[in-house]
Each structure stands twice: as C-alpha cells, then as structure tokens.
Amino acid sequence: MILADPGAALFDVRSVDIAARVTDKAGIESWIPHRGDMSLLDGVVYANEGCTEAVGIKQVRDGEFWVPGHFPDVPLLPGVLMVEAAAQLMCWMFNFRRGISSPAAFLRINECVFRNSVTVGDDLYFLVKEVKFGGRGYIAAAQGIMDGKIAFEAELRGMVLPEKKARGL
C-alpha cells in the first residue's frame, strides 16, 4: 500500500501493486528527453487505461549529486527535485497518450506544499492525475508519497516545446 490513509491520495491506490513496473528507466527515457543526473524517475509502477492517472517511483540513493551538499550529515532530497520528478511523470503520461515523444517544458507549479522530508534509502512514489490535457499543454495534480506519508502536493503545468526550440535540445 502506498498511503496509510488511501483516502488522502489523488486517486484510489488501494489496488496498485508497488512492486509492479509498467516501464523502467529506459522505457521512460524513450518518451521523455531527461538524461543523466536529471533523469529522476526509476520506473512507472501503474498507469490506468487512458493514462490519466499514474504512479511513478524514485529510489533515493546515496550516490546522487545533491547528497554531499543538501545537507552534510542530513541528506534531504531537495523539494525542487521531488517536484521535477513528478513533472517528468506528467510529461511521460502526456507523451505516452499522444504516442509522440516530444520535448516538453515545465511551466508552472501552483499550490505546492511540502509536508515530510525524504532522504537516502527512501522510495518516493509520485501520484499524478490529469486535470486538463490538450494538444500542446497539460495540467496535472501531483503528490509525492514516502513511507505512507505525503511528502508534497502541487498542481503542475507544462507544454510541448515549439519545433524551433525543440531542435536545439
């Protein structure tokens, strides 16, 4: 189970098998452009039919670039990286639904609240639920959940990059 109180989740997660994988890191990278240290998702655990709801996972490891400096002796996963990982899941959902791997820009974070810290050794699950997906842009609600507790909640917005900017990537 992802949450101690499934009623606090964006959608019903009681039947989600957290050991399952819809796709792994390589599969995610076939749909989104993030690579290297900025490829933050380790897998997609669940996606409903229509890909309007998804659960992703990040396994927080000791060797990550932020560990030595955020903060020494108390490594806390930066909130901006939690939100970025959720935005990557949102981008994966959007591209997967469209059937096109398009570079996308993360435009806005609304109503973001951090509730619990995440550190090395934690598995951070991301719940992302479509609010509005259009031809070029998308809005989704997102949650980060670790050890049965909500780490953060936010509304995220993104859009496909215009062709001219996408070629420069």
Protein backbone atom coordinates (compact mmCIF):
# COMPACT_ATOMS: atom_id res chain seq x y z
CA MET A 1 0.00 0.00 0.00
CA ILE A 2 1.27 3.47 -0.87
CA LEU A 3 -0.51 5.51 1.81
CA ALA A 4 -1.56 4.68 5.34
CA ASP A 5 -4.78 6.62 4.56
CA PRO A 6 -5.70 5.86 0.94
CA GLY A 7 -8.43 8.50 1.19
CA ALA A 8 -5.71 11.16 1.18
CA ALA A 9 -4.48 10.06 -2.27
CA LEU A 10 -5.30 11.85 -5.52
CA PHE A 11 -6.95 8.66 -6.76
CA ASP A 12 -7.71 5.18 -5.44
CA VAL A 13 -4.34 3.46 -4.92
CA ARG A 14 -5.54 0.51 -2.84
CA SER A 15 -5.12 -1.95 -5.72
CA VAL A 16 -1.80 -0.55 -7.02
CA ASP A 17 0.98 -3.15 -6.81
CA ILE A 18 4.06 -1.11 -5.86
CA ALA A 19 6.35 -3.98 -6.93
CA ALA A 20 4.97 -3.87 -10.49
CA ARG A 21 6.54 -1.89 -13.33
CA VAL A 22 4.68 -0.57 -16.36
CA THR A 23 8.09 0.56 -17.59
CA ASP A 24 11.61 1.04 -16.29
CA LYS A 25 14.07 3.95 -16.62
CA ALA A 26 14.98 3.00 -20.21
CA GLY A 27 11.30 2.87 -21.14
CA ILE A 28 10.68 6.27 -19.56
CA GLU A 29 13.65 7.72 -21.45
CA SER A 30 12.13 6.54 -24.74
CA TRP A 31 9.27 9.00 -24.11
CA ILE A 32 10.92 11.98 -22.36
CA PRO A 33 14.24 13.79 -23.01
CA HIS A 34 15.70 13.81 -19.47
CA ARG A 35 19.08 12.08 -19.13
CA GLY A 36 21.96 11.68 -16.72
CA ASP A 37 21.55 13.23 -13.29
CA MET A 38 18.29 14.86 -14.39
CA SER A 39 16.59 11.57 -15.26
CA LEU A 40 14.84 11.29 -11.90
CA LEU A 41 12.26 8.51 -12.31
CA ASP A 42 13.29 4.90 -11.87
CA GLY A 43 10.04 3.40 -13.08
CA VAL A 44 6.34 3.75 -13.71
CA VAL A 45 4.50 1.48 -11.27
CA TYR A 46 0.96 2.00 -12.55
CA ALA A 47 -0.95 3.78 -15.29
CA ASN A 48 -4.68 3.49 -15.73
CA GLU A 49 -6.37 2.89 -19.07
CA GLY A 50 -6.19 6.17 -20.93
CA CYS A 51 -3.09 7.18 -18.92
CA THR A 52 -4.96 9.86 -16.95
CA GLU A 53 -3.56 8.59 -13.64
CA ALA A 54 -0.10 7.19 -12.99
CA VAL A 55 2.23 6.21 -10.17
CA GLY A 56 6.00 6.53 -10.58
CA ILE A 57 8.91 5.72 -8.30
CA LYS A 58 12.24 7.28 -7.43
CA GLN A 59 14.57 5.22 -5.29
CA VAL A 60 16.63 7.80 -3.40
CA ARG A 61 20.28 6.69 -3.48
CA ASP A 62 23.43 7.71 -1.62
CA GLY A 63 25.45 8.49 -4.77
CA GLU A 64 23.15 11.19 -6.12
CA PHE A 65 24.69 14.58 -6.96
CA TRP A 66 22.82 16.53 -4.25
CA VAL A 67 23.66 14.24 -1.29
CA PRO A 68 27.01 15.77 -0.18
CA GLY A 69 25.69 19.32 -0.09
CA HIS A 70 21.98 19.17 0.82
CA PHE A 71 22.79 18.88 3.68
CA PRO A 72 26.05 17.41 5.02
CA ASP A 73 25.27 14.70 7.59
CA VAL A 74 21.48 15.09 6.98
CA PRO A 75 20.88 14.46 3.25
CA LEU A 76 17.39 15.77 2.39
CA LEU A 77 16.12 15.36 -1.16
CA PRO A 78 15.56 18.93 -2.42
CA GLY A 79 11.90 19.77 -2.89
CA VAL A 80 12.57 21.12 -6.36
CA LEU A 81 13.84 17.66 -7.40
CA MET A 82 10.74 15.98 -5.96
CA VAL A 83 8.52 18.28 -7.99
CA GLU A 84 10.71 17.88 -11.09
CA ALA A 85 10.39 14.09 -10.86
CA ALA A 86 6.58 14.40 -10.69
CA ALA A 87 6.72 16.73 -13.71
CA GLN A 88 8.73 14.07 -15.57
CA LEU A 89 5.99 11.54 -14.84
CA MET A 90 3.43 14.07 -16.09
CA CYS A 91 5.49 14.52 -19.29
CA TRP A 92 5.71 10.74 -19.74
CA MET A 93 1.92 10.44 -19.36
CA PHE A 94 1.30 13.24 -21.86
CA ASN A 95 3.71 11.89 -24.49
CA PHE A 96 2.62 8.28 -24.00
CA ARG A 97 -1.04 9.25 -24.50
CA ARG A 98 -0.22 11.23 -27.62
CA GLY A 99 2.03 8.48 -28.98
CA ILE A 100 4.75 11.06 -29.71
CA SER A 101 7.99 11.62 -27.83
CA SER A 102 8.09 15.42 -27.69
CA PRO A 103 10.35 17.61 -25.55
CA ALA A 104 8.20 19.50 -23.08
CA ALA A 105 8.71 22.50 -20.85
CA PHE A 106 7.62 22.60 -17.24
CA LEU A 107 5.80 25.94 -16.93
CA ARG A 108 4.29 26.39 -13.51
CA ILE A 109 3.95 24.98 -10.01
CA ASN A 110 0.77 26.01 -8.20
CA GLU A 111 -0.23 25.44 -4.58
CA CYS A 112 2.90 23.46 -3.72
CA VAL A 113 3.16 22.30 -0.13
CA PHE A 114 5.97 20.21 1.38
CA ARG A 115 4.80 18.05 4.27
CA ASN A 116 7.53 15.48 5.02
CA SER A 117 11.22 15.14 4.22
CA VAL A 118 12.74 12.45 2.00
CA THR A 119 16.26 11.10 2.43
CA VAL A 120 18.70 8.47 1.18
CA GLY A 121 17.22 4.98 1.27
CA ASP A 122 13.62 6.13 0.81
CA ASP A 123 11.36 5.08 -2.06
CA LEU A 124 9.42 8.13 -3.20
CA TYR A 125 6.22 7.40 -5.10
CA PHE A 126 4.60 10.02 -7.32
CA LEU A 127 0.87 10.10 -7.98
CA VAL A 128 -0.05 12.22 -10.97
CA LYS A 129 -3.62 12.80 -12.10
CA GLU A 130 -4.72 14.65 -15.21
CA VAL A 131 -6.58 17.88 -14.63
CA LYS A 132 -6.50 19.00 -18.28
CA PHE A 133 -4.56 17.60 -21.23
CA GLY A 134 -4.76 19.42 -24.57
CA GLY A 135 -2.97 19.27 -27.90
CA ARG A 136 0.09 21.20 -26.71
CA GLY A 137 -0.27 21.65 -22.97
CA TYR A 138 -1.26 19.89 -19.82
CA ILE A 139 -2.17 20.42 -16.18
CA ALA A 140 -1.96 17.72 -13.52
CA ALA A 141 -2.31 17.31 -9.79
CA ALA A 142 0.70 15.62 -8.19
CA GLN A 143 1.67 14.08 -4.87
CA GLY A 144 4.93 12.64 -3.60
CA ILE A 145 4.47 9.85 -1.07
CA MET A 146 7.16 8.25 1.06
CA ASP A 147 6.77 5.68 3.80
CA GLY A 148 2.99 6.05 3.78
CA LYS A 149 3.12 9.85 4.26
CA ILE A 150 2.61 12.70 1.83
CA ALA A 151 5.94 14.43 1.14
CA PHE A 152 4.49 17.12 -1.16
CA GLU A 153 1.42 18.13 -3.13
CA ALA A 154 1.20 20.50 -6.10
CA GLU A 155 -0.53 21.38 -9.33
CA LEU A 156 1.84 21.25 -12.30
CA ARG A 157 1.59 22.77 -15.78
CA GLY A 158 3.63 22.02 -18.87
CA MET A 159 3.60 22.29 -22.64
CA VAL A 160 5.25 20.84 -25.72
CA LEU A 161 8.17 23.00 -26.84
CA PRO A 162 7.76 24.78 -30.17
CA GLU A 163 9.58 22.98 -33.01
CA LYS A 164 12.33 25.64 -33.23
CA LYS A 165 13.24 25.30 -29.53
CA ALA A 166 12.92 21.51 -29.52
CA ARG A 167 15.53 21.19 -32.31
CA GLY A 168 18.06 22.99 -30.11
CA LEU A 169 17.92 20.31 -27.39
